[in-house]
Amino acid sequence: MTMLPENAAYRCLVVGIVYTIYLCLGAGIFCAIQQPHDIKLRVHLDNARDNFLKQNPCVDSESLGVFLEVVETASSAGILIGPNNTLVPTWSFASSLYFSVTLLTTIGYGHMVPLSIGSQIFSILFSLVGIPLTVFFLGIIATSFNKPSQSLLEFMMTKLNTMMSDHSVRLLHISMLAILITSFLFLVPALIFARLEPGWTYFDGLYFVYISMTTIGLGDYVPAFQTEDVPYEDLRDVYHLAVTVYLLFGLSMLILLVETVVQIPEVMMKLLARINFSSASLSFDFNLRNGKSTAKEPSEKEDLASQPASTYSTINNSEN
C-alpha cells in the first residue's frame, strides 16, 4: 500500500526528475562559466606571491603562508583593512543593526559573522523568535501599503468604468503597481549603490538588489563595507542605517508586488472568459438574424436525474 495516491506519486516523480535535470543543468553551466575565472585568479595569486617573495628575500614561503592564513581568517570574520593597512572597527551599533536585519530576513551576506560561542548561541535564539516576527512585521507593512493601492483601484474603477471593463482596469492597476514597485525597489536603488560604492557598475548594483530582495544574499557585493576612496567614510553608520531601512522596506514592498503579480493570471482568465462570452453572444445573435438557432430544445423525456436540485424544487412546487 503506497503512502501517496497514484497520480500524486506520478506527479512527484515527474517534478523530481525535472527539478534534478534543472539542478544538473545549472551546475554544468556554473562549472563551465566559473572554472576559467577560477584558474585565472589562482594563476594571478601564485604570480603575486612569487613576485613578493622575490622582492622580499628575507621572507620565506612558509612564514608568508602563515600570515595569509591569518589574513584570510580575519577577512572571513568581517575584519576590514583600511587605508595604510589600518584596521577598521566592524561591530558598531549601526553595523550590528545591519547584521541583525540580514540575520532575521535570512539574507545573510556572510560579511559579518558571530565570533564566539556565546554570540553563535545568541544568534540561534535571536533568530528563532526574530524570523517569524520579521515575517509578521513585513506582512503588516505590506498590508498597510495595500490600502492606498486599493484606493487607487477604486479611483480608477470610477473614472475608467465607461471606457474599460472592470477586468481591464484591474489589469491596468496591477501593471502600474508592478512598474512602480520595480522602479523604486530595483532600478533606482541600483543607481544609488552604483554611485556610492567605488568600483560598482549599474549592473553590479542591480545584481546586489536582486540578490538581496530575493534573500539569496551571496555576499560578494555588500554596501557600506569598502574602506578606500568611499564618499560615505564620515557617514558610514548613517549609510548602514539607510541600507537597513531599505532592506526592510524593500522586502515588504516585494511581498506586496508578489501578491499583486499573483493576481494577473486570475484577472487575465476572467478577461479572456469575458471576451469568449462576448464572442459567443455575437455569434448567437448572428445566427438568430440569419434564421439559425444553436439552442437545444429541451426534451419532454429528459431524465430528471440530470437536473439540479433547484429544478426538482421548481417541479414539486408546480405540481403542488
C-alpha atoms as a PDB file:
ATOM      1  CA  MET A   1       0.000   0.000   0.000  1.00  0.00           C
ATOM      2  CA  THR A   2       1.546   3.274  -1.132  1.00  0.00           C
ATOM      3  CA  MET A   3       1.682   6.362   1.048  1.00  0.00           C
ATOM      4  CA  LEU A   4       0.638   8.623  -1.868  1.00  0.00           C
ATOM      5  CA  PRO A   5      -2.166   8.258  -4.386  1.00  0.00           C
ATOM      6  CA  GLU A   6      -1.039   7.013  -7.770  1.00  0.00           C
ATOM      7  CA  ASN A   7      -1.460  10.393  -9.505  1.00  0.00           C
ATOM      8  CA  ALA A   8       0.313  12.230  -6.673  1.00  0.00           C
ATOM      9  CA  ALA A   9       3.212   9.762  -6.732  1.00  0.00           C
ATOM     10  CA  TYR A  10       3.488  10.107 -10.506  1.00  0.00           C
ATOM     11  CA  ARG A  11       3.410  13.910 -10.268  1.00  0.00           C
ATOM     12  CA  CYS A  12       6.063  13.851  -7.537  1.00  0.00           C
ATOM     13  CA  LEU A  13       8.279  11.592  -9.671  1.00  0.00           C
ATOM     14  CA  VAL A  14       7.946  13.763 -12.776  1.00  0.00           C
ATOM     15  CA  VAL A  15       8.582  17.021 -10.907  1.00  0.00           C
ATOM     16  CA  GLY A  16      11.534  15.413  -9.106  1.00  0.00           C
ATOM     17  CA  ILE A  17      13.088  14.336 -12.393  1.00  0.00           C
ATOM     18  CA  VAL A  18      12.546  17.753 -13.985  1.00  0.00           C
ATOM     19  CA  TYR A  19      13.986  19.523 -10.923  1.00  0.00           C
ATOM     20  CA  THR A  20      17.026  17.216 -10.857  1.00  0.00           C
ATOM     21  CA  ILE A  21      17.672  17.892 -14.540  1.00  0.00           C
ATOM     22  CA  TYR A  22      17.332  21.624 -13.887  1.00  0.00           C
ATOM     23  CA  LEU A  23      19.833  21.430 -10.999  1.00  0.00           C
ATOM     24  CA  CYS A  24      22.327  19.433 -13.065  1.00  0.00           C
ATOM     25  CA  LEU A  25      21.940  21.860 -15.961  1.00  0.00           C
ATOM     26  CA  GLY A  26      22.621  24.810 -13.648  1.00  0.00           C
ATOM     27  CA  ALA A  27      25.617  23.074 -12.087  1.00  0.00           C
ATOM     28  CA  GLY A  28      27.075  22.337 -15.518  1.00  0.00           C
ATOM     29  CA  ILE A  29      26.638  25.928 -16.696  1.00  0.00           C
ATOM     30  CA  PHE A  30      28.122  27.371 -13.475  1.00  0.00           C
ATOM     31  CA  CYS A  31      31.062  24.992 -13.758  1.00  0.00           C
ATOM     32  CA  ALA A  32      31.699  25.929 -17.386  1.00  0.00           C
ATOM     33  CA  ILE A  33      31.457  29.660 -16.688  1.00  0.00           C
ATOM     34  CA  GLN A  34      33.327  29.798 -13.389  1.00  0.00           C
ATOM     35  CA  GLN A  35      36.234  27.422 -13.970  1.00  0.00           C
ATOM     36  CA  PRO A  36      38.171  29.682 -16.384  1.00  0.00           C
ATOM     37  CA  HIS A  37      37.873  32.626 -13.984  1.00  0.00           C
ATOM     38  CA  ASP A  38      38.883  30.430 -11.058  1.00  0.00           C
ATOM     39  CA  ILE A  39      42.005  29.261 -12.908  1.00  0.00           C
ATOM     40  CA  LYS A  40      42.862  32.832 -13.921  1.00  0.00           C
ATOM     41  CA  LEU A  41      42.547  34.114 -10.342  1.00  0.00           C
ATOM     42  CA  ARG A  42      44.661  31.291  -8.929  1.00  0.00           C
ATOM     43  CA  VAL A  43      47.399  31.924 -11.503  1.00  0.00           C
ATOM     44  CA  HIS A  44      47.306  35.643 -10.667  1.00  0.00           C
ATOM     45  CA  LEU A  45      47.585  34.881  -6.950  1.00  0.00           C
ATOM     46  CA  ASP A  46      50.507  32.492  -7.500  1.00  0.00           C
ATOM     47  CA  ASN A  47      52.344  35.112  -9.582  1.00  0.00           C
ATOM     48  CA  ALA A  48      51.717  37.814  -6.979  1.00  0.00           C
ATOM     49  CA  ARG A  49      53.056  35.566  -4.203  1.00  0.00           C
ATOM     50  CA  ASP A  50      56.162  34.629  -6.210  1.00  0.00           C
ATOM     51  CA  ASN A  51      56.868  38.274  -7.054  1.00  0.00           C
ATOM     52  CA  PHE A  52      56.503  39.241  -3.404  1.00  0.00           C
ATOM     53  CA  LEU A  53      58.957  36.552  -2.313  1.00  0.00           C
ATOM     54  CA  LYS A  54      61.466  37.643  -4.977  1.00  0.00           C
ATOM     55  CA  GLN A  55      61.223  41.281  -3.925  1.00  0.00           C
ATOM     56  CA  ASN A  56      61.473  40.368  -0.224  1.00  0.00           C
ATOM     57  CA  PRO A  57      64.055  37.587   0.085  1.00  0.00           C
ATOM     58  CA  CYS A  58      64.033  37.917   3.872  1.00  0.00           C
ATOM     59  CA  VAL A  59      60.504  36.450   3.956  1.00  0.00           C
ATOM     60  CA  ASP A  60      60.251  32.715   3.379  1.00  0.00           C
ATOM     61  CA  SER A  61      57.283  30.993   1.756  1.00  0.00           C
ATOM     62  CA  GLU A  62      56.197  29.253   4.970  1.00  0.00           C
ATOM     63  CA  SER A  63      56.014  32.483   7.001  1.00  0.00           C
ATOM     64  CA  LEU A  64      54.093  34.172   4.216  1.00  0.00           C
ATOM     65  CA  GLY A  65      51.645  31.255   4.132  1.00  0.00           C
ATOM     66  CA  VAL A  66      51.021  31.555   7.880  1.00  0.00           C
ATOM     67  CA  PHE A  67      50.412  35.299   7.546  1.00  0.00           C
ATOM     68  CA  LEU A  68      47.993  34.790   4.631  1.00  0.00           C
ATOM     69  CA  GLU A  69      46.014  32.271   6.693  1.00  0.00           C
ATOM     70  CA  VAL A  70      45.657  34.820   9.479  1.00  0.00           C
ATOM     71  CA  VAL A  71      44.509  37.466   6.978  1.00  0.00           C
ATOM     72  CA  GLU A  72      42.030  35.045   5.391  1.00  0.00           C
ATOM     73  CA  THR A  73      40.581  34.127   8.785  1.00  0.00           C
ATOM     74  CA  ALA A  74      40.249  37.787   9.758  1.00  0.00           C
ATOM     75  CA  SER A  75      38.656  38.630   6.421  1.00  0.00           C
ATOM     76  CA  SER A  76      36.085  35.848   6.740  1.00  0.00           C
ATOM     77  CA  ALA A  77      35.245  37.181  10.211  1.00  0.00           C
ATOM     78  CA  GLY A  78      34.485  40.617   8.766  1.00  0.00           C
ATOM     79  CA  ILE A  79      37.666  42.453   9.766  1.00  0.00           C
ATOM     80  CA  LEU A  80      38.231  45.385   7.391  1.00  0.00           C
ATOM     81  CA  ILE A  81      41.648  46.678   6.341  1.00  0.00           C
ATOM     82  CA  GLY A  82      41.552  50.399   5.669  1.00  0.00           C
ATOM     83  CA  PRO A  83      43.985  52.861   4.076  1.00  0.00           C
ATOM     84  CA  ASN A  84      47.642  52.497   5.093  1.00  0.00           C
ATOM     85  CA  ASN A  85      46.851  48.954   6.317  1.00  0.00           C
ATOM     86  CA  THR A  86      44.897  50.228   9.309  1.00  0.00           C
ATOM     87  CA  LEU A  87      42.167  48.037  10.781  1.00  0.00           C
ATOM     88  CA  VAL A  88      38.645  49.450  10.613  1.00  0.00           C
ATOM     89  CA  PRO A  89      36.259  48.644  13.513  1.00  0.00           C
ATOM     90  CA  THR A  90      33.434  46.418  12.273  1.00  0.00           C
ATOM     91  CA  TRP A  91      30.979  45.957  15.133  1.00  0.00           C
ATOM     92  CA  SER A  92      29.477  49.367  15.735  1.00  0.00           C
ATOM     93  CA  PHE A  93      25.838  49.677  16.789  1.00  0.00           C
ATOM     94  CA  ALA A  94      24.759  50.616  13.245  1.00  0.00           C
ATOM     95  CA  SER A  95      26.626  47.733  11.618  1.00  0.00           C
ATOM     96  CA  SER A  96      25.292  45.364  14.305  1.00  0.00           C
ATOM     97  CA  LEU A  97      21.760  46.517  13.482  1.00  0.00           C
ATOM     98  CA  TYR A  98      22.561  45.912   9.823  1.00  0.00           C
ATOM     99  CA  PHE A  99      23.762  42.402  10.695  1.00  0.00           C
ATOM    100  CA  SER A 100      20.624  41.738  12.767  1.00  0.00           C
ATOM    101  CA  VAL A 101      18.398  42.608   9.820  1.00  0.00           C
ATOM    102  CA  THR A 102      20.351  40.381   7.438  1.00  0.00           C
ATOM    103  CA  LEU A 103      20.081  37.587  10.004  1.00  0.00           C
ATOM    104  CA  LEU A 104      16.340  37.892  10.644  1.00  0.00           C
ATOM    105  CA  THR A 105      15.449  38.372   6.975  1.00  0.00           C
ATOM    106  CA  THR A 106      17.617  35.306   6.146  1.00  0.00           C
ATOM    107  CA  ILE A 107      19.597  37.371   3.610  1.00  0.00           C
ATOM    108  CA  GLY A 108      22.821  36.516   5.431  1.00  0.00           C
ATOM    109  CA  TYR A 109      25.569  38.115   3.336  1.00  0.00           C
ATOM    110  CA  GLY A 110      28.270  36.493   5.448  1.00  0.00           C
ATOM    111  CA  HIS A 111      30.213  39.757   5.650  1.00  0.00           C
ATOM    112  CA  MET A 112      29.884  39.675   9.450  1.00  0.00           C
ATOM    113  CA  VAL A 113      29.717  36.503  11.488  1.00  0.00           C
ATOM    114  CA  PRO A 114      29.413  35.644  15.202  1.00  0.00           C
ATOM    115  CA  LEU A 115      32.932  35.432  16.585  1.00  0.00           C
ATOM    116  CA  SER A 116      32.328  33.439  19.766  1.00  0.00           C
ATOM    117  CA  ILE A 117      30.293  30.517  21.071  1.00  0.00           C
ATOM    118  CA  GLY A 118      28.151  32.917  23.073  1.00  0.00           C
ATOM    119  CA  SER A 119      27.321  35.032  20.037  1.00  0.00           C
ATOM    120  CA  GLN A 120      26.545  31.911  17.996  1.00  0.00           C
ATOM    121  CA  ILE A 121      24.139  30.645  20.662  1.00  0.00           C
ATOM    122  CA  PHE A 122      22.518  34.066  20.875  1.00  0.00           C
ATOM    123  CA  SER A 123      22.172  34.140  17.058  1.00  0.00           C
ATOM    124  CA  ILE A 124      20.205  30.882  17.178  1.00  0.00           C
ATOM    125  CA  LEU A 125      17.912  32.045  19.976  1.00  0.00           C
ATOM    126  CA  PHE A 126      17.542  35.527  18.498  1.00  0.00           C
ATOM    127  CA  SER A 127      16.565  34.183  15.061  1.00  0.00           C
ATOM    128  CA  LEU A 128      14.125  31.589  16.439  1.00  0.00           C
ATOM    129  CA  VAL A 129      11.895  34.387  17.654  1.00  0.00           C
ATOM    130  CA  GLY A 130      13.044  37.099  15.271  1.00  0.00           C
ATOM    131  CA  ILE A 131      12.448  35.390  11.913  1.00  0.00           C
ATOM    132  CA  PRO A 132       8.703  34.759  12.458  1.00  0.00           C
ATOM    133  CA  LEU A 133       8.397  38.223  13.994  1.00  0.00           C
ATOM    134  CA  THR A 134      10.105  39.757  10.959  1.00  0.00           C
ATOM    135  CA  VAL A 135       7.786  37.921   8.554  1.00  0.00           C
ATOM    136  CA  PHE A 136       4.792  39.203  10.540  1.00  0.00           C
ATOM    137  CA  PHE A 137       6.207  42.748  10.620  1.00  0.00           C
ATOM    138  CA  LEU A 138       6.879  42.804   6.865  1.00  0.00           C
ATOM    139  CA  GLY A 139       3.370  41.491   6.236  1.00  0.00           C
ATOM    140  CA  ILE A 140       1.900  44.303   8.329  1.00  0.00           C
ATOM    141  CA  ILE A 141       3.840  46.887   6.301  1.00  0.00           C
ATOM    142  CA  ALA A 142       2.715  45.298   3.022  1.00  0.00           C
ATOM    143  CA  THR A 143      -0.898  45.318   4.237  1.00  0.00           C
ATOM    144  CA  SER A 144      -0.620  48.993   5.189  1.00  0.00           C
ATOM    145  CA  PHE A 145       0.570  49.913   1.699  1.00  0.00           C
ATOM    146  CA  ASN A 146      -2.110  47.705   0.160  1.00  0.00           C
ATOM    147  CA  LYS A 147      -4.802  50.127   1.377  1.00  0.00           C
ATOM    148  CA  PRO A 148      -3.585  53.050  -0.810  1.00  0.00           C
ATOM    149  CA  SER A 149      -3.297  50.555  -3.645  1.00  0.00           C
ATOM    150  CA  GLN A 150      -6.939  49.565  -3.240  1.00  0.00           C
ATOM    151  CA  SER A 151      -7.938  53.243  -3.043  1.00  0.00           C
ATOM    152  CA  LEU A 152      -6.164  53.809  -6.347  1.00  0.00           C
ATOM    153  CA  LEU A 153      -8.011  50.847  -7.831  1.00  0.00           C
ATOM    154  CA  GLU A 154     -11.371  52.223  -6.684  1.00  0.00           C
ATOM    155  CA  PHE A 155     -10.496  55.619  -8.152  1.00  0.00           C
ATOM    156  CA  MET A 156      -9.566  54.020 -11.482  1.00  0.00           C
ATOM    157  CA  MET A 157     -12.774  51.969 -11.429  1.00  0.00           C
ATOM    158  CA  THR A 158     -14.807  55.161 -11.003  1.00  0.00           C
ATOM    159  CA  LYS A 159     -13.027  57.161 -13.684  1.00  0.00           C
ATOM    160  CA  LEU A 160     -12.489  54.457 -16.310  1.00  0.00           C
ATOM    161  CA  ASN A 161     -15.630  52.334 -15.974  1.00  0.00           C
ATOM    162  CA  THR A 162     -17.173  53.935 -19.039  1.00  0.00           C
ATOM    163  CA  MET A 163     -14.119  53.299 -21.226  1.00  0.00           C
ATOM    164  CA  MET A 164     -12.819  49.946 -19.972  1.00  0.00           C
ATOM    165  CA  SER A 165     -14.204  46.796 -18.425  1.00  0.00           C
ATOM    166  CA  ASP A 166     -13.597  46.073 -14.747  1.00  0.00           C
ATOM    167  CA  HIS A 167     -11.110  43.308 -15.583  1.00  0.00           C
ATOM    168  CA  SER A 168      -9.172  45.619 -17.914  1.00  0.00           C
ATOM    169  CA  VAL A 169      -8.996  48.281 -15.202  1.00  0.00           C
ATOM    170  CA  ARG A 170      -7.736  45.705 -12.709  1.00  0.00           C
ATOM    171  CA  LEU A 171      -5.069  44.561 -15.149  1.00  0.00           C
ATOM    172  CA  LEU A 172      -4.007  48.177 -15.729  1.00  0.00           C
ATOM    173  CA  HIS A 173      -3.842  48.755 -11.966  1.00  0.00           C
ATOM    174  CA  ILE A 174      -1.707  45.658 -11.422  1.00  0.00           C
ATOM    175  CA  SER A 175       0.640  46.680 -14.246  1.00  0.00           C
ATOM    176  CA  MET A 176       1.037  50.214 -12.867  1.00  0.00           C
ATOM    177  CA  LEU A 177       1.753  48.921  -9.379  1.00  0.00           C
ATOM    178  CA  ALA A 178       4.278  46.379 -10.654  1.00  0.00           C
ATOM    179  CA  ILE A 179       6.118  49.015 -12.697  1.00  0.00           C
ATOM    180  CA  LEU A 180       6.122  51.482  -9.782  1.00  0.00           C
ATOM    181  CA  ILE A 181       7.455  48.997  -7.227  1.00  0.00           C
ATOM    182  CA  THR A 182      10.013  47.559  -9.636  1.00  0.00           C
ATOM    183  CA  SER A 183      11.334  51.025 -10.427  1.00  0.00           C
ATOM    184  CA  PHE A 184      11.697  52.181  -6.817  1.00  0.00           C
ATOM    185  CA  LEU A 185      12.712  48.780  -5.480  1.00  0.00           C
ATOM    186  CA  PHE A 186      15.255  47.727  -8.104  1.00  0.00           C
ATOM    187  CA  LEU A 187      16.130  50.331 -10.717  1.00  0.00           C
ATOM    188  CA  VAL A 188      16.569  53.465  -8.593  1.00  0.00           C
ATOM    189  CA  PRO A 189      18.404  51.780  -5.654  1.00  0.00           C
ATOM    190  CA  ALA A 190      20.763  50.086  -8.137  1.00  0.00           C
ATOM    191  CA  LEU A 191      21.704  53.509  -9.492  1.00  0.00           C
ATOM    192  CA  ILE A 192      22.278  54.885  -5.973  1.00  0.00           C
ATOM    193  CA  PHE A 193      24.512  51.963  -4.982  1.00  0.00           C
ATOM    194  CA  ALA A 194      26.476  52.309  -8.221  1.00  0.00           C
ATOM    195  CA  ARG A 195      27.111  55.969  -7.359  1.00  0.00           C
ATOM    196  CA  LEU A 196      28.112  55.399  -3.732  1.00  0.00           C
ATOM    197  CA  GLU A 197      30.181  52.217  -3.994  1.00  0.00           C
ATOM    198  CA  PRO A 198      33.593  52.592  -5.706  1.00  0.00           C
ATOM    199  CA  GLY A 199      34.069  50.071  -8.486  1.00  0.00           C
ATOM    200  CA  TRP A 200      30.393  49.167  -8.750  1.00  0.00           C
ATOM    201  CA  THR A 201      28.695  49.400 -12.122  1.00  0.00           C
ATOM    202  CA  TYR A 202      24.947  49.826 -12.533  1.00  0.00           C
ATOM    203  CA  PHE A 203      24.664  46.113 -13.238  1.00  0.00           C
ATOM    204  CA  ASP A 204      26.563  45.384 -10.004  1.00  0.00           C
ATOM    205  CA  GLY A 205      24.037  47.495  -8.111  1.00  0.00           C
ATOM    206  CA  LEU A 206      21.126  45.789  -9.848  1.00  0.00           C
ATOM    207  CA  TYR A 207      22.685  42.403  -9.119  1.00  0.00           C
ATOM    208  CA  PHE A 208      23.081  43.268  -5.435  1.00  0.00           C
ATOM    209  CA  VAL A 209      19.485  44.499  -5.179  1.00  0.00           C
ATOM    210  CA  TYR A 210      18.142  41.311  -6.768  1.00  0.00           C
ATOM    211  CA  ILE A 211      20.303  39.052  -4.582  1.00  0.00           C
ATOM    212  CA  SER A 212      19.132  40.976  -1.508  1.00  0.00           C
ATOM    213  CA  MET A 213      15.419  41.224  -2.307  1.00  0.00           C
ATOM    214  CA  THR A 214      15.241  37.503  -3.071  1.00  0.00           C
ATOM    215  CA  THR A 215      17.092  36.881   0.258  1.00  0.00           C
ATOM    216  CA  ILE A 216      19.762  34.854  -1.556  1.00  0.00           C
ATOM    217  CA  GLY A 217      22.474  37.020  -0.018  1.00  0.00           C
ATOM    218  CA  LEU A 218      25.647  35.655  -1.617  1.00  0.00           C
ATOM    219  CA  GLY A 219      27.769  38.358  -0.001  1.00  0.00           C
ATOM    220  CA  ASP A 220      30.019  39.051  -2.990  1.00  0.00           C
ATOM    221  CA  TYR A 221      28.648  42.595  -3.056  1.00  0.00           C
ATOM    222  CA  VAL A 222      27.892  44.296   0.271  1.00  0.00           C
ATOM    223  CA  PRO A 223      27.396  48.073   0.559  1.00  0.00           C
ATOM    224  CA  ALA A 224      28.971  50.205   3.282  1.00  0.00           C
ATOM    225  CA  PHE A 225      31.919  47.832   3.758  1.00  0.00           C
ATOM    226  CA  GLN A 226      34.522  49.301   1.447  1.00  0.00           C
ATOM    227  CA  THR A 227      37.312  51.266   3.058  1.00  0.00           C
ATOM    228  CA  GLU A 228      39.207  53.134   0.340  1.00  0.00           C
ATOM    229  CA  ASP A 229      38.015  56.216  -1.555  1.00  0.00           C
ATOM    230  CA  VAL A 230      34.449  55.946  -0.304  1.00  0.00           C
ATOM    231  CA  PRO A 231      32.209  59.049  -0.245  1.00  0.00           C
ATOM    232  CA  TYR A 232      30.489  57.873   2.947  1.00  0.00           C
ATOM    233  CA  GLU A 233      33.581  57.481   5.140  1.00  0.00           C
ATOM    234  CA  ASP A 234      32.387  60.012   7.737  1.00  0.00           C
ATOM    235  CA  LEU A 235      28.778  58.815   7.471  1.00  0.00           C
ATOM    236  CA  ARG A 236      29.326  55.062   7.462  1.00  0.00           C
ATOM    237  CA  ASP A 237      26.930  54.459  10.358  1.00  0.00           C
ATOM    238  CA  VAL A 238      24.243  56.576   8.695  1.00  0.00           C
ATOM    239  CA  TYR A 239      24.761  54.592   5.488  1.00  0.00           C
ATOM    240  CA  HIS A 240      24.383  51.340   7.447  1.00  0.00           C
ATOM    241  CA  LEU A 241      21.091  52.540   8.895  1.00  0.00           C
ATOM    242  CA  ALA A 242      19.859  53.681   5.476  1.00  0.00           C
ATOM    243  CA  VAL A 243      20.611  50.287   3.903  1.00  0.00           C
ATOM    244  CA  THR A 244      18.928  48.574   6.875  1.00  0.00           C
ATOM    245  CA  VAL A 245      15.733  50.581   6.351  1.00  0.00           C
ATOM    246  CA  TYR A 246      15.883  49.916   2.611  1.00  0.00           C
ATOM    247  CA  LEU A 247      16.114  46.147   3.141  1.00  0.00           C
ATOM    248  CA  LEU A 248      13.096  46.074   5.464  1.00  0.00           C
ATOM    249  CA  PHE A 249      11.016  48.401   3.337  1.00  0.00           C
ATOM    250  CA  GLY A 250      12.085  46.687   0.117  1.00  0.00           C
ATOM    251  CA  LEU A 251      11.165  43.218   1.321  1.00  0.00           C
ATOM    252  CA  SER A 252       7.740  44.422   2.447  1.00  0.00           C
ATOM    253  CA  MET A 253       7.182  46.019  -0.972  1.00  0.00           C
ATOM    254  CA  LEU A 254       8.318  42.780  -2.596  1.00  0.00           C
ATOM    255  CA  ILE A 255       5.594  40.954  -0.668  1.00  0.00           C
ATOM    256  CA  LEU A 256       3.064  43.468  -1.992  1.00  0.00           C
ATOM    257  CA  LEU A 257       4.464  43.050  -5.516  1.00  0.00           C
ATOM    258  CA  VAL A 258       4.226  39.262  -5.341  1.00  0.00           C
ATOM    259  CA  GLU A 259       0.653  39.450  -4.072  1.00  0.00           C
ATOM    260  CA  THR A 260      -0.118  41.800  -6.954  1.00  0.00           C
ATOM    261  CA  VAL A 261       1.570  39.750  -9.670  1.00  0.00           C
ATOM    262  CA  VAL A 262      -0.140  36.580  -8.471  1.00  0.00           C
ATOM    263  CA  GLN A 263      -3.471  38.209  -9.343  1.00  0.00           C
ATOM    264  CA  ILE A 264      -2.505  38.664 -13.016  1.00  0.00           C
ATOM    265  CA  PRO A 265      -3.374  35.114 -14.210  1.00  0.00           C
ATOM    266  CA  GLU A 266      -6.754  35.281 -12.445  1.00  0.00           C
ATOM    267  CA  VAL A 267      -7.578  38.666 -13.963  1.00  0.00           C
ATOM    268  CA  MET A 268      -6.391  37.513 -17.392  1.00  0.00           C
ATOM    269  CA  MET A 269      -8.556  34.387 -17.189  1.00  0.00           C
ATOM    270  CA  LYS A 270     -11.607  36.481 -16.268  1.00  0.00           C
ATOM    271  CA  LEU A 271     -10.817  38.911 -19.076  1.00  0.00           C
ATOM    272  CA  LEU A 272     -10.452  36.080 -21.610  1.00  0.00           C
ATOM    273  CA  ALA A 273     -13.661  34.483 -20.336  1.00  0.00           C
ATOM    274  CA  ARG A 274     -15.446  37.806 -20.841  1.00  0.00           C
ATOM    275  CA  ILE A 275     -14.035  38.071 -24.376  1.00  0.00           C
ATOM    276  CA  ASN A 276     -15.105  34.493 -25.174  1.00  0.00           C
ATOM    277  CA  PHE A 277     -18.576  35.170 -23.763  1.00  0.00           C
ATOM    278  CA  SER A 278     -18.863  38.312 -25.869  1.00  0.00           C
ATOM    279  CA  SER A 279     -17.770  36.376 -28.954  1.00  0.00           C
ATOM    280  CA  ALA A 280     -20.297  33.650 -28.239  1.00  0.00           C
ATOM    281  CA  SER A 281     -23.054  36.240 -27.771  1.00  0.00           C
ATOM    282  CA  LEU A 282     -22.192  37.880 -31.080  1.00  0.00           C
ATOM    283  CA  SER A 283     -22.193  34.502 -32.817  1.00  0.00           C
ATOM    284  CA  PHE A 284     -25.576  33.607 -31.299  1.00  0.00           C
ATOM    285  CA  ASP A 285     -27.024  36.964 -32.320  1.00  0.00           C
ATOM    286  CA  PHE A 286     -25.669  36.500 -35.858  1.00  0.00           C
ATOM    287  CA  ASN A 287     -27.265  33.050 -36.127  1.00  0.00           C
ATOM    288  CA  LEU A 288     -30.616  34.372 -34.944  1.00  0.00           C
ATOM    289  CA  ARG A 289     -30.558  37.132 -37.529  1.00  0.00           C
ATOM    290  CA  ASN A 290     -29.884  34.570 -40.238  1.00  0.00           C
ATOM    291  CA  GLY A 291     -32.718  32.311 -39.117  1.00  0.00           C
ATOM    292  CA  LYS A 292     -30.491  29.769 -37.414  1.00  0.00           C
ATOM    293  CA  SER A 293     -30.743  28.540 -33.847  1.00  0.00           C
ATOM    294  CA  THR A 294     -27.986  26.783 -31.966  1.00  0.00           C
ATOM    295  CA  ALA A 295     -30.002  26.378 -28.767  1.00  0.00           C
ATOM    296  CA  LYS A 296     -31.017  22.840 -27.854  1.00  0.00           C
ATOM    297  CA  GLU A 297     -34.741  22.308 -27.372  1.00  0.00           C
ATOM    298  CA  PRO A 298     -35.498  20.582 -24.088  1.00  0.00           C
ATOM    299  CA  SER A 299     -36.931  17.087 -24.413  1.00  0.00           C
ATOM    300  CA  GLU A 300     -40.102  16.104 -22.561  1.00  0.00           C
ATOM    301  CA  LYS A 301     -38.499  12.764 -21.781  1.00  0.00           C
ATOM    302  CA  GLU A 302     -35.409  14.324 -20.338  1.00  0.00           C
ATOM    303  CA  ASP A 303     -34.138  12.355 -17.379  1.00  0.00           C
ATOM    304  CA  LEU A 304     -34.937  14.137 -14.122  1.00  0.00           C
ATOM    305  CA  ALA A 305     -31.797  12.647 -12.585  1.00  0.00           C
ATOM    306  CA  SER A 306     -29.735  15.019 -14.695  1.00  0.00           C
ATOM    307  CA  GLN A 307     -31.494  18.064 -13.311  1.00  0.00           C
ATOM    308  CA  PRO A 308     -30.054  20.080 -10.388  1.00  0.00           C
ATOM    309  CA  ALA A 309     -31.792  20.264  -7.031  1.00  0.00           C
ATOM    310  CA  SER A 310     -33.261  23.674  -7.869  1.00  0.00           C
ATOM    311  CA  THR A 311     -35.098  22.091 -10.821  1.00  0.00           C
ATOM    312  CA  TYR A 312     -36.603  19.481  -8.540  1.00  0.00           C
ATOM    313  CA  SER A 313     -37.909  22.209  -6.248  1.00  0.00           C
ATOM    314  CA  THR A 314     -39.481  24.039  -9.178  1.00  0.00           C
ATOM    315  CA  ILE A 315     -41.190  20.854 -10.414  1.00  0.00           C
ATOM    316  CA  ASN A 316     -42.541  19.951  -6.974  1.00  0.00           C
ATOM    317  CA  ASN A 317     -43.882  23.458  -6.414  1.00  0.00           C
ATOM    318  CA  SER A 318     -45.674  23.434  -9.765  1.00  0.00           C
ATOM    319  CA  GLU A 319     -47.227  20.027  -9.033  1.00  0.00           C
ATOM    320  CA  ASN A 320     -48.484  21.182  -5.663  1.00  0.00           C
END
